């Protein structure tokens, strides 16, 4: 009788401890809203969850890269549009007007001043900065002004390239050299400087007038080449922006699939939550029952049980 009573007492203590452990375990899972809390719960599932989590981290890394690329290309697109508009609508007309035989030297000097204003505006655009204060057309040398006051390009030699997906690298900038054909025979700033200098010179004889016209003709060719070049650059930027959008849509779909798989592996879905709530209620009931039995046994003293 004595051994039997002690055994029952110990057995009830074990039951109560087990019920408390189960209740604590289920409560922890309910608080975390997931079935799998530690690797020992499901070693294979825990390993797979790590794979899914790493995949999500990579997706988010590329999301950040694509956002950077989109911002860079968007800002560049705005500046290229402004440059193209200025070159196409304003510059061409002024150069053509410079060859007007009815213009006096004073008229040409006034025109040269207008061209200089346009040139300075173009130079400001060439030295544009992004929202972080970095130069847009400086290649990788984004901390240094790419164009001198004379319009000479001193920026980086290579455009910036960004990896925006597992197997996709994308050019996210153009150098000022590429935009203004710097250092080539169609260098826009060099052509404008020559035209401005020529218009400021008097044309008192046929030779000087022919020299002026030759300079203006070369400037016109440089402007046409620049317009064609700007069109190609703008098209390239537009294509890259479309590609980023496509990559983003694909990544979003892939992310949804991985998140769903991770939720299934960890047991974080609504079905699992419902199961955890039910288990929590059942374990709470079992725990309360164990406490009640234990309290009842405590009310019977060991001395009375052994009399």
C-alpha atoms as a PDB file:
ATOM      1  CA  UNK A   1       0.000   0.000   0.000  1.00  0.00           C
ATOM      2  CA  UNK A   2       2.799   2.370   0.893  1.00  0.00           C
ATOM      3  CA  UNK A   3       4.720   1.644  -2.315  1.00  0.00           C
ATOM      4  CA  UNK A   4       1.538   1.830  -4.371  1.00  0.00           C
ATOM      5  CA  UNK A   5       0.638   5.252  -2.994  1.00  0.00           C
ATOM      6  CA  UNK A   6       4.102   6.616  -3.595  1.00  0.00           C
ATOM      7  CA  UNK A   7       4.052   5.237  -7.127  1.00  0.00           C
ATOM      8  CA  UNK A   8       0.687   6.886  -7.840  1.00  0.00           C
ATOM      9  CA  UNK A   9       1.935  10.173  -6.416  1.00  0.00           C
ATOM     10  CA  UNK A  10       5.074  10.075  -8.591  1.00  0.00           C
ATOM     11  CA  UNK A  11       3.062   9.000 -11.614  1.00  0.00           C
ATOM     12  CA  UNK A  12       0.752  11.983 -11.237  1.00  0.00           C
ATOM     13  CA  UNK A  13       3.727  14.306 -10.864  1.00  0.00           C
ATOM     14  CA  UNK A  14       5.107  12.924 -14.123  1.00  0.00           C
ATOM     15  CA  UNK A  15       1.744  13.381 -15.852  1.00  0.00           C
ATOM     16  CA  UNK A  16       1.503  16.957 -14.674  1.00  0.00           C
ATOM     17  CA  UNK A  17       5.061  17.717 -15.791  1.00  0.00           C
ATOM     18  CA  UNK A  18       4.350  16.154 -19.189  1.00  0.00           C
ATOM     19  CA  UNK A  19       1.134  18.153 -19.588  1.00  0.00           C
ATOM     20  CA  UNK A  20       2.934  21.354 -18.668  1.00  0.00           C
ATOM     21  CA  UNK A  21       5.696  20.617 -21.176  1.00  0.00           C
ATOM     22  CA  UNK A  22       3.215  19.962 -23.973  1.00  0.00           C
ATOM     23  CA  UNK A  23       1.257  23.101 -23.143  1.00  0.00           C
ATOM     24  CA  UNK A  24       4.432  25.231 -23.112  1.00  0.00           C
ATOM     25  CA  UNK A  25       5.590  23.721 -26.402  1.00  0.00           C
ATOM     26  CA  UNK A  26       2.261  24.337 -28.159  1.00  0.00           C
ATOM     27  CA  UNK A  27       2.043  27.843 -26.673  1.00  0.00           C
ATOM     28  CA  UNK A  28       5.487  28.652 -28.079  1.00  0.00           C
ATOM     29  CA  UNK A  29       4.464  27.403 -31.527  1.00  0.00           C
ATOM     30  CA  UNK A  30       1.228  29.380 -31.332  1.00  0.00           C
ATOM     31  CA  UNK A  31       3.095  32.544 -30.328  1.00  0.00           C
ATOM     32  CA  UNK A  32       5.497  32.065 -33.258  1.00  0.00           C
ATOM     33  CA  UNK A  33       2.598  31.047 -35.524  1.00  0.00           C
ATOM     34  CA  UNK A  34       4.538  28.105 -36.892  1.00  0.00           C
ATOM     35  CA  UNK A  35       4.699  24.382 -36.271  1.00  0.00           C
ATOM     36  CA  UNK A  36       8.442  23.954 -36.834  1.00  0.00           C
ATOM     37  CA  UNK A  37      10.421  25.783 -34.154  1.00  0.00           C
ATOM     38  CA  UNK A  38      13.725  23.931 -33.945  1.00  0.00           C
ATOM     39  CA  UNK A  39      15.674  21.583 -36.241  1.00  0.00           C
ATOM     40  CA  UNK A  40      14.958  18.584 -34.023  1.00  0.00           C
ATOM     41  CA  UNK A  41      11.228  18.979 -34.752  1.00  0.00           C
ATOM     42  CA  UNK A  42      11.863  18.015 -38.381  1.00  0.00           C
ATOM     43  CA  UNK A  43      15.531  17.891 -39.497  1.00  0.00           C
ATOM     44  CA  UNK A  44      14.689  17.522 -43.193  1.00  0.00           C
ATOM     45  CA  UNK A  45      12.095  20.286 -43.024  1.00  0.00           C
ATOM     46  CA  UNK A  46      14.462  22.586 -41.138  1.00  0.00           C
ATOM     47  CA  UNK A  47      17.138  22.053 -43.791  1.00  0.00           C
ATOM     48  CA  UNK A  48      14.657  22.804 -46.570  1.00  0.00           C
ATOM     49  CA  UNK A  49      13.472  25.916 -44.726  1.00  0.00           C
ATOM     50  CA  UNK A  50      17.037  27.261 -44.700  1.00  0.00           C
ATOM     51  CA  UNK A  51      17.226  26.743 -48.466  1.00  0.00           C
ATOM     52  CA  UNK A  52      13.971  28.662 -48.947  1.00  0.00           C
ATOM     53  CA  UNK A  53      15.110  31.458 -46.623  1.00  0.00           C
ATOM     54  CA  UNK A  54      18.399  31.827 -48.509  1.00  0.00           C
ATOM     55  CA  UNK A  55      16.485  31.945 -51.793  1.00  0.00           C
ATOM     56  CA  UNK A  56      14.249  34.707 -50.421  1.00  0.00           C
ATOM     57  CA  UNK A  57      17.299  36.659 -49.238  1.00  0.00           C
ATOM     58  CA  UNK A  58      18.776  36.481 -52.747  1.00  0.00           C
ATOM     59  CA  UNK A  59      15.475  37.585 -54.295  1.00  0.00           C
ATOM     60  CA  UNK A  60      15.359  40.585 -51.956  1.00  0.00           C
ATOM     61  CA  UNK A  61      18.987  41.387 -52.779  1.00  0.00           C
ATOM     62  CA  UNK A  62      18.151  41.514 -56.480  1.00  0.00           C
ATOM     63  CA  UNK A  63      15.010  43.536 -55.729  1.00  0.00           C
ATOM     64  CA  UNK A  64      17.266  46.189 -54.202  1.00  0.00           C
ATOM     65  CA  UNK A  65      19.626  45.996 -57.188  1.00  0.00           C
ATOM     66  CA  UNK A  66      16.743  46.396 -59.652  1.00  0.00           C
ATOM     67  CA  UNK A  67      15.375  49.356 -57.707  1.00  0.00           C
ATOM     68  CA  UNK A  68      18.788  51.013 -57.878  1.00  0.00           C
ATOM     69  CA  UNK A  69      18.992  50.280 -61.605  1.00  0.00           C
ATOM     70  CA  UNK A  70      15.484  51.614 -62.185  1.00  0.00           C
ATOM     71  CA  UNK A  71      16.241  54.834 -60.313  1.00  0.00           C
ATOM     72  CA  UNK A  72      19.533  55.308 -62.166  1.00  0.00           C
ATOM     73  CA  UNK A  73      17.994  54.658 -65.586  1.00  0.00           C
ATOM     74  CA  UNK A  74      14.939  56.784 -64.825  1.00  0.00           C
ATOM     75  CA  UNK A  75      17.043  59.792 -63.832  1.00  0.00           C
ATOM     76  CA  UNK A  76      19.269  59.273 -66.850  1.00  0.00           C
ATOM     77  CA  UNK A  77      16.247  59.058 -69.134  1.00  0.00           C
ATOM     78  CA  UNK A  78      14.965  62.421 -67.886  1.00  0.00           C
ATOM     79  CA  UNK A  79      18.311  64.105 -68.516  1.00  0.00           C
ATOM     80  CA  UNK A  80      18.716  62.517 -71.953  1.00  0.00           C
ATOM     81  CA  UNK A  81      15.253  63.773 -72.904  1.00  0.00           C
ATOM     82  CA  UNK A  82      16.211  67.291 -71.835  1.00  0.00           C
ATOM     83  CA  UNK A  83      19.471  67.125 -73.803  1.00  0.00           C
ATOM     84  CA  UNK A  84      17.750  65.773 -76.920  1.00  0.00           C
ATOM     85  CA  UNK A  85      15.066  68.454 -76.753  1.00  0.00           C
ATOM     86  CA  UNK A  86      17.654  71.215 -76.427  1.00  0.00           C
ATOM     87  CA  UNK A  87      19.823  69.912 -79.259  1.00  0.00           C
ATOM     88  CA  UNK A  88      16.935  69.159 -81.622  1.00  0.00           C
ATOM     89  CA  UNK A  89      14.719  72.212 -81.111  1.00  0.00           C
ATOM     90  CA  UNK A  90      17.141  74.989 -80.230  1.00  0.00           C
ATOM     91  CA  UNK A  91      20.631  74.226 -81.380  1.00  0.00           C
ATOM     92  CA  UNK A  92      19.975  73.246 -84.992  1.00  0.00           C
ATOM     93  CA  UNK A  93      17.999  76.416 -85.710  1.00  0.00           C
ATOM     94  CA  UNK A  94      20.688  78.681 -84.277  1.00  0.00           C
ATOM     95  CA  UNK A  95      23.465  77.077 -86.306  1.00  0.00           C
ATOM     96  CA  UNK A  96      21.461  77.373 -89.521  1.00  0.00           C
ATOM     97  CA  UNK A  97      20.740  81.024 -88.722  1.00  0.00           C
ATOM     98  CA  UNK A  98      24.455  81.674 -88.276  1.00  0.00           C
ATOM     99  CA  UNK A  99      25.007  81.112 -91.994  1.00  0.00           C
ATOM    100  CA  UNK A 100      22.475  83.763 -92.992  1.00  0.00           C
ATOM    101  CA  UNK A 101      24.274  86.132 -95.354  1.00  0.00           C
ATOM    102  CA  UNK A 102      22.040  89.009 -94.292  1.00  0.00           C
ATOM    103  CA  UNK A 103      23.377  88.879 -90.728  1.00  0.00           C
ATOM    104  CA  UNK A 104      25.791  91.592 -89.668  1.00  0.00           C
ATOM    105  CA  UNK A 105      28.810  90.928 -87.481  1.00  0.00           C
ATOM    106  CA  UNK A 106      26.801  92.267 -84.533  1.00  0.00           C
ATOM    107  CA  UNK A 107      23.959  89.840 -85.323  1.00  0.00           C
ATOM    108  CA  UNK A 108      26.387  86.934 -85.351  1.00  0.00           C
ATOM    109  CA  UNK A 109      27.944  88.026 -82.039  1.00  0.00           C
ATOM    110  CA  UNK A 110      24.453  88.111 -80.499  1.00  0.00           C
ATOM    111  CA  UNK A 111      23.796  84.652 -81.943  1.00  0.00           C
ATOM    112  CA  UNK A 112      27.099  83.429 -80.501  1.00  0.00           C
ATOM    113  CA  UNK A 113      25.932  84.607 -77.067  1.00  0.00           C
ATOM    114  CA  UNK A 114      22.714  82.618 -77.475  1.00  0.00           C
ATOM    115  CA  UNK A 115      24.684  79.546 -78.509  1.00  0.00           C
ATOM    116  CA  UNK A 116      26.960  79.987 -75.524  1.00  0.00           C
ATOM    117  CA  UNK A 117      23.895  80.014 -73.261  1.00  0.00           C
ATOM    118  CA  UNK A 118      22.662  76.774 -74.836  1.00  0.00           C
ATOM    119  CA  UNK A 119      26.137  75.276 -74.539  1.00  0.00           C
ATOM    120  CA  UNK A 120      26.275  76.170 -70.843  1.00  0.00           C
ATOM    121  CA  UNK A 121      22.862  74.597 -70.278  1.00  0.00           C
ATOM    122  CA  UNK A 122      24.067  71.448 -72.030  1.00  0.00           C
ATOM    123  CA  UNK A 123      27.170  71.478 -69.861  1.00  0.00           C
ATOM    124  CA  UNK A 124      25.017  71.695 -66.736  1.00  0.00           C
ATOM    125  CA  UNK A 125      23.012  68.709 -67.973  1.00  0.00           C
ATOM    126  CA  UNK A 126      26.222  66.845 -68.771  1.00  0.00           C
ATOM    127  CA  UNK A 127      27.279  67.364 -65.146  1.00  0.00           C
ATOM    128  CA  UNK A 128      23.895  66.347 -63.740  1.00  0.00           C
ATOM    129  CA  UNK A 129      23.782  64.593 -60.373  1.00  0.00           C
ATOM    130  CA  UNK A 130      21.384  62.008 -59.052  1.00  0.00           C
ATOM    131  CA  UNK A 131      19.384  62.252 -55.818  1.00  0.00           C
ATOM    132  CA  UNK A 132      22.458  61.106 -53.878  1.00  0.00           C
ATOM    133  CA  UNK A 133      24.650  63.829 -55.319  1.00  0.00           C
ATOM    134  CA  UNK A 134      26.561  61.450 -57.607  1.00  0.00           C
ATOM    135  CA  UNK A 135      27.329  62.420 -61.209  1.00  0.00           C
ATOM    136  CA  UNK A 136      25.109  60.559 -63.671  1.00  0.00           C
ATOM    137  CA  UNK A 137      27.425  60.539 -66.699  1.00  0.00           C
ATOM    138  CA  UNK A 138      30.762  59.978 -64.937  1.00  0.00           C
ATOM    139  CA  UNK A 139      30.957  56.204 -65.378  1.00  0.00           C
ATOM    140  CA  UNK A 140      32.330  54.647 -62.201  1.00  0.00           C
ATOM    141  CA  UNK A 141      33.904  57.984 -61.149  1.00  0.00           C
ATOM    142  CA  UNK A 142      30.586  59.227 -59.789  1.00  0.00           C
ATOM    143  CA  UNK A 143      32.219  61.436 -57.178  1.00  0.00           C
ATOM    144  CA  UNK A 144      34.031  63.655 -59.698  1.00  0.00           C
ATOM    145  CA  UNK A 145      32.588  66.146 -62.176  1.00  0.00           C
ATOM    146  CA  UNK A 146      32.856  64.494 -65.603  1.00  0.00           C
ATOM    147  CA  UNK A 147      33.108  67.636 -67.787  1.00  0.00           C
ATOM    148  CA  UNK A 148      35.396  70.641 -67.485  1.00  0.00           C
ATOM    149  CA  UNK A 149      34.176  74.181 -68.157  1.00  0.00           C
ATOM    150  CA  UNK A 150      35.466  73.800 -71.722  1.00  0.00           C
ATOM    151  CA  UNK A 151      33.332  70.696 -72.246  1.00  0.00           C
ATOM    152  CA  UNK A 152      36.224  68.229 -72.124  1.00  0.00           C
ATOM    153  CA  UNK A 153      35.262  64.826 -70.741  1.00  0.00           C
ATOM    154  CA  UNK A 154      37.408  63.708 -67.797  1.00  0.00           C
ATOM    155  CA  UNK A 155      35.089  61.075 -66.294  1.00  0.00           C
ATOM    156  CA  UNK A 156      35.353  57.312 -66.150  1.00  0.00           C
ATOM    157  CA  UNK A 157      35.972  55.285 -69.276  1.00  0.00           C
ATOM    158  CA  UNK A 158      33.412  52.550 -68.569  1.00  0.00           C
ATOM    159  CA  UNK A 159      29.657  52.742 -67.952  1.00  0.00           C
ATOM    160  CA  UNK A 160      28.289  51.299 -64.720  1.00  0.00           C
ATOM    161  CA  UNK A 161      26.988  47.720 -64.861  1.00  0.00           C
ATOM    162  CA  UNK A 162      24.651  46.183 -62.276  1.00  0.00           C
ATOM    163  CA  UNK A 163      23.707  42.522 -61.741  1.00  0.00           C
ATOM    164  CA  UNK A 164      19.911  42.585 -61.532  1.00  0.00           C
ATOM    165  CA  UNK A 165      19.146  38.845 -61.594  1.00  0.00           C
ATOM    166  CA  UNK A 166      20.955  35.519 -61.274  1.00  0.00           C
ATOM    167  CA  UNK A 167      22.085  35.477 -64.895  1.00  0.00           C
ATOM    168  CA  UNK A 168      21.478  39.091 -65.929  1.00  0.00           C
ATOM    169  CA  UNK A 169      23.852  42.050 -65.853  1.00  0.00           C
ATOM    170  CA  UNK A 170      22.616  45.402 -67.098  1.00  0.00           C
ATOM    171  CA  UNK A 171      24.277  48.671 -68.048  1.00  0.00           C
ATOM    172  CA  UNK A 172      22.680  51.289 -65.802  1.00  0.00           C
ATOM    173  CA  UNK A 173      24.486  54.385 -67.031  1.00  0.00           C
ATOM    174  CA  UNK A 174      26.150  55.940 -70.051  1.00  0.00           C
ATOM    175  CA  UNK A 175      29.392  57.853 -69.824  1.00  0.00           C
ATOM    176  CA  UNK A 176      29.470  61.485 -70.870  1.00  0.00           C
ATOM    177  CA  UNK A 177      31.821  60.419 -73.631  1.00  0.00           C
ATOM    178  CA  UNK A 178      29.097  58.177 -75.045  1.00  0.00           C
ATOM    179  CA  UNK A 179      26.403  60.840 -74.688  1.00  0.00           C
ATOM    180  CA  UNK A 180      28.260  63.774 -76.252  1.00  0.00           C
ATOM    181  CA  UNK A 181      30.624  61.788 -78.513  1.00  0.00           C
ATOM    182  CA  UNK A 182      33.535  63.360 -76.640  1.00  0.00           C
ATOM    183  CA  UNK A 183      36.955  62.905 -78.185  1.00  0.00           C
ATOM    184  CA  UNK A 184      35.546  61.944 -81.593  1.00  0.00           C
ATOM    185  CA  UNK A 185      35.281  63.960 -84.800  1.00  0.00           C
ATOM    186  CA  UNK A 186      31.659  64.666 -83.872  1.00  0.00           C
ATOM    187  CA  UNK A 187      32.376  65.872 -80.324  1.00  0.00           C
ATOM    188  CA  UNK A 188      29.371  68.120 -79.633  1.00  0.00           C
ATOM    189  CA  UNK A 189      31.022  70.507 -77.182  1.00  0.00           C
ATOM    190  CA  UNK A 190      34.090  70.881 -79.377  1.00  0.00           C
ATOM    191  CA  UNK A 191      31.863  71.639 -82.370  1.00  0.00           C
ATOM    192  CA  UNK A 192      29.864  74.222 -80.401  1.00  0.00           C
ATOM    193  CA  UNK A 193      33.012  75.896 -79.112  1.00  0.00           C
ATOM    194  CA  UNK A 194      34.288  76.177 -82.695  1.00  0.00           C
ATOM    195  CA  UNK A 195      30.965  77.597 -83.926  1.00  0.00           C
ATOM    196  CA  UNK A 196      30.810  80.168 -81.114  1.00  0.00           C
ATOM    197  CA  UNK A 197      34.402  81.256 -81.774  1.00  0.00           C
ATOM    198  CA  UNK A 198      33.742  81.526 -85.531  1.00  0.00           C
ATOM    199  CA  UNK A 199      30.565  83.601 -85.055  1.00  0.00           C
ATOM    200  CA  UNK A 200      32.480  86.060 -82.883  1.00  0.00           C
ATOM    201  CA  UNK A 201      34.929  86.749 -85.720  1.00  0.00           C
ATOM    202  CA  UNK A 202      34.187  89.524 -88.253  1.00  0.00           C
ATOM    203  CA  UNK A 203      33.410  88.382 -91.803  1.00  0.00           C
ATOM    204  CA  UNK A 204      34.680  91.212 -93.928  1.00  0.00           C
ATOM    205  CA  UNK A 205      35.688  89.133 -96.948  1.00  0.00           C
ATOM    206  CA  UNK A 206      34.730  86.000 -98.852  1.00  0.00           C
ATOM    207  CA  UNK A 207      37.479  83.913 -97.264  1.00  0.00           C
ATOM    208  CA  UNK A 208      36.297  84.616 -93.717  1.00  0.00           C
ATOM    209  CA  UNK A 209      32.677  83.997 -94.710  1.00  0.00           C
ATOM    210  CA  UNK A 210      33.627  80.663 -96.302  1.00  0.00           C
ATOM    211  CA  UNK A 211      35.593  79.695 -93.190  1.00  0.00           C
ATOM    212  CA  UNK A 212      32.568  80.526 -91.018  1.00  0.00           C
ATOM    213  CA  UNK A 213      30.243  78.492 -93.213  1.00  0.00           C
ATOM    214  CA  UNK A 214      32.621  75.520 -93.180  1.00  0.00           C
ATOM    215  CA  UNK A 215      32.717  75.614 -89.390  1.00  0.00           C
ATOM    216  CA  UNK A 216      28.920  75.860 -89.180  1.00  0.00           C
ATOM    217  CA  UNK A 217      28.559  72.965 -91.630  1.00  0.00           C
ATOM    218  CA  UNK A 218      30.821  70.791 -89.474  1.00  0.00           C
ATOM    219  CA  UNK A 219      28.829  71.810 -86.410  1.00  0.00           C
ATOM    220  CA  UNK A 220      25.589  70.871 -88.177  1.00  0.00           C
ATOM    221  CA  UNK A 221      27.010  67.429 -88.964  1.00  0.00           C
ATOM    222  CA  UNK A 222      28.055  67.016 -85.316  1.00  0.00           C
ATOM    223  CA  UNK A 223      24.552  68.022 -84.181  1.00  0.00           C
ATOM    224  CA  UNK A 224      22.902  65.513 -86.532  1.00  0.00           C
ATOM    225  CA  UNK A 225      25.224  62.774 -85.315  1.00  0.00           C
ATOM    226  CA  UNK A 226      24.410  63.746 -81.733  1.00  0.00           C
ATOM    227  CA  UNK A 227      20.667  63.606 -82.394  1.00  0.00           C
ATOM    228  CA  UNK A 228      21.011  60.111 -83.877  1.00  0.00           C
ATOM    229  CA  UNK A 229      23.242  59.035 -81.005  1.00  0.00           C
ATOM    230  CA  UNK A 230      20.875  60.411 -78.357  1.00  0.00           C
ATOM    231  CA  UNK A 231      17.984  58.558 -79.970  1.00  0.00           C
ATOM    232  CA  UNK A 232      19.874  55.269 -79.709  1.00  0.00           C
ATOM    233  CA  UNK A 233      20.813  55.917 -76.090  1.00  0.00           C
ATOM    234  CA  UNK A 234      17.224  56.776 -75.175  1.00  0.00           C
ATOM    235  CA  UNK A 235      15.985  53.618 -76.884  1.00  0.00           C
ATOM    236  CA  UNK A 236      18.547  51.575 -74.957  1.00  0.00           C
ATOM    237  CA  UNK A 237      17.449  53.085 -71.653  1.00  0.00           C
ATOM    238  CA  UNK A 238      13.806  52.395 -72.503  1.00  0.00           C
ATOM    239  CA  UNK A 239      14.587  48.768 -73.344  1.00  0.00           C
ATOM    240  CA  UNK A 240      16.466  48.337 -70.064  1.00  0.00           C
ATOM    241  CA  UNK A 241      13.550  49.788 -68.080  1.00  0.00           C
ATOM    242  CA  UNK A 242      11.173  47.355 -69.778  1.00  0.00           C
ATOM    243  CA  UNK A 243      13.531  44.469 -69.030  1.00  0.00           C
ATOM    244  CA  UNK A 244      13.641  45.489 -65.371  1.00  0.00           C
ATOM    245  CA  UNK A 245       9.856  45.479 -65.235  1.00  0.00           C
ATOM    246  CA  UNK A 246       9.734  41.987 -66.761  1.00  0.00           C
ATOM    247  CA  UNK A 247      12.377  40.703 -64.347  1.00  0.00           C
ATOM    248  CA  UNK A 248      10.463  42.214 -61.446  1.00  0.00           C
ATOM    249  CA  UNK A 249       7.216  40.496 -62.417  1.00  0.00           C
ATOM    250  CA  UNK A 250       8.999  37.158 -62.801  1.00  0.00           C
ATOM    251  CA  UNK A 251      10.772  37.594 -59.451  1.00  0.00           C
ATOM    252  CA  UNK A 252       7.507  38.474 -57.694  1.00  0.00           C
ATOM    253  CA  UNK A 253       5.897  35.281 -58.979  1.00  0.00           C
ATOM    254  CA  UNK A 254       8.910  33.217 -57.907  1.00  0.00           C
ATOM    255  CA  UNK A 255       8.893  34.907 -54.503  1.00  0.00           C
ATOM    256  CA  UNK A 256       5.234  34.031 -53.938  1.00  0.00           C
ATOM    257  CA  UNK A 257       5.982  30.376 -54.723  1.00  0.00           C
ATOM    258  CA  UNK A 258       8.958  30.267 -52.353  1.00  0.00           C
ATOM    259  CA  UNK A 259       7.072  32.014 -49.547  1.00  0.00           C
ATOM    260  CA  UNK A 260       4.242  29.507 -49.961  1.00  0.00           C
ATOM    261  CA  UNK A 261       6.695  26.595 -49.825  1.00  0.00           C
ATOM    262  CA  UNK A 262       8.418  28.073 -46.773  1.00  0.00           C
ATOM    263  CA  UNK A 263       5.085  28.526 -44.996  1.00  0.00           C
ATOM    264  CA  UNK A 264       4.189  24.909 -45.729  1.00  0.00           C
ATOM    265  CA  UNK A 265       7.563  23.732 -44.436  1.00  0.00           C
ATOM    266  CA  UNK A 266       7.439  25.824 -41.263  1.00  0.00           C
ATOM    267  CA  UNK A 267       3.731  25.281 -40.796  1.00  0.00           C
ATOM    268  CA  UNK A 268       2.723  28.950 -40.742  1.00  0.00           C
ATOM    269  CA  UNK A 269      -0.464  28.788 -42.808  1.00  0.00           C
ATOM    270  CA  UNK A 270      -4.017  29.412 -41.574  1.00  0.00           C
ATOM    271  CA  UNK A 271      -4.723  25.674 -41.439  1.00  0.00           C
ATOM    272  CA  UNK A 272      -1.740  25.180 -39.152  1.00  0.00           C
ATOM    273  CA  UNK A 273      -2.827  28.103 -36.998  1.00  0.00           C
ATOM    274  CA  UNK A 274      -6.247  26.531 -36.586  1.00  0.00           C
ATOM    275  CA  UNK A 275      -4.625  23.224 -35.631  1.00  0.00           C
ATOM    276  CA  UNK A 276      -2.371  24.946 -33.095  1.00  0.00           C
ATOM    277  CA  UNK A 277      -5.344  26.729 -31.507  1.00  0.00           C
ATOM    278  CA  UNK A 278      -7.174  23.413 -31.141  1.00  0.00           C
ATOM    279  CA  UNK A 279      -4.081  21.714 -29.720  1.00  0.00           C
ATOM    280  CA  UNK A 280      -3.546  24.595 -27.305  1.00  0.00           C
ATOM    281  CA  UNK A 281      -7.083  24.266 -25.960  1.00  0.00           C
ATOM    282  CA  UNK A 282      -6.703  20.511 -25.573  1.00  0.00           C
ATOM    283  CA  UNK A 283      -3.322  20.788 -23.850  1.00  0.00           C
ATOM    284  CA  UNK A 284      -4.678  23.480 -21.544  1.00  0.00           C
ATOM    285  CA  UNK A 285      -7.578  21.215 -20.612  1.00  0.00           C
ATOM    286  CA  UNK A 286      -5.182  18.309 -19.956  1.00  0.00           C
ATOM    287  CA  UNK A 287      -2.919  20.529 -17.876  1.00  0.00           C
ATOM    288  CA  UNK A 288      -5.814  21.806 -15.767  1.00  0.00           C
ATOM    289  CA  UNK A 289      -7.024  18.247 -15.233  1.00  0.00           C
ATOM    290  CA  UNK A 290      -3.555  17.182 -14.094  1.00  0.00           C
ATOM    291  CA  UNK A 291      -3.402  20.065 -11.635  1.00  0.00           C
ATOM    292  CA  UNK A 292      -6.820  19.199 -10.235  1.00  0.00           C
ATOM    293  CA  UNK A 293      -5.839  15.567  -9.665  1.00  0.00           C
ATOM    294  CA  UNK A 294      -2.541  16.599  -8.143  1.00  0.00           C
ATOM    295  CA  UNK A 295      -4.258  19.041  -5.781  1.00  0.00           C
ATOM    296  CA  UNK A 296      -6.703  16.336  -4.727  1.00  0.00           C
ATOM    297  CA  UNK A 297      -3.853  13.999  -3.913  1.00  0.00           C
ATOM    298  CA  UNK A 298      -2.112  16.725  -1.909  1.00  0.00           C
ATOM    299  CA  UNK A 299      -5.190  17.095   0.275  1.00  0.00           C
ATOM    300  CA  UNK A 300      -4.701  13.507   1.444  1.00  0.00           C
ATOM    301  CA  UNK A 301      -1.664  13.608   3.602  1.00  0.00           C
ATOM    302  CA  UNK A 302       0.934  10.929   3.276  1.00  0.00           C
ATOM    303  CA  UNK A 303       0.462  10.167   6.973  1.00  0.00           C
ATOM    304  CA  UNK A 304      -3.240   9.437   6.469  1.00  0.00           C
ATOM    305  CA  UNK A 305      -2.466   7.247   3.488  1.00  0.00           C
ATOM    306  CA  UNK A 306      -0.081   5.147   5.611  1.00  0.00           C
ATOM    307  CA  UNK A 307      -2.318   4.727   8.687  1.00  0.00           C
END
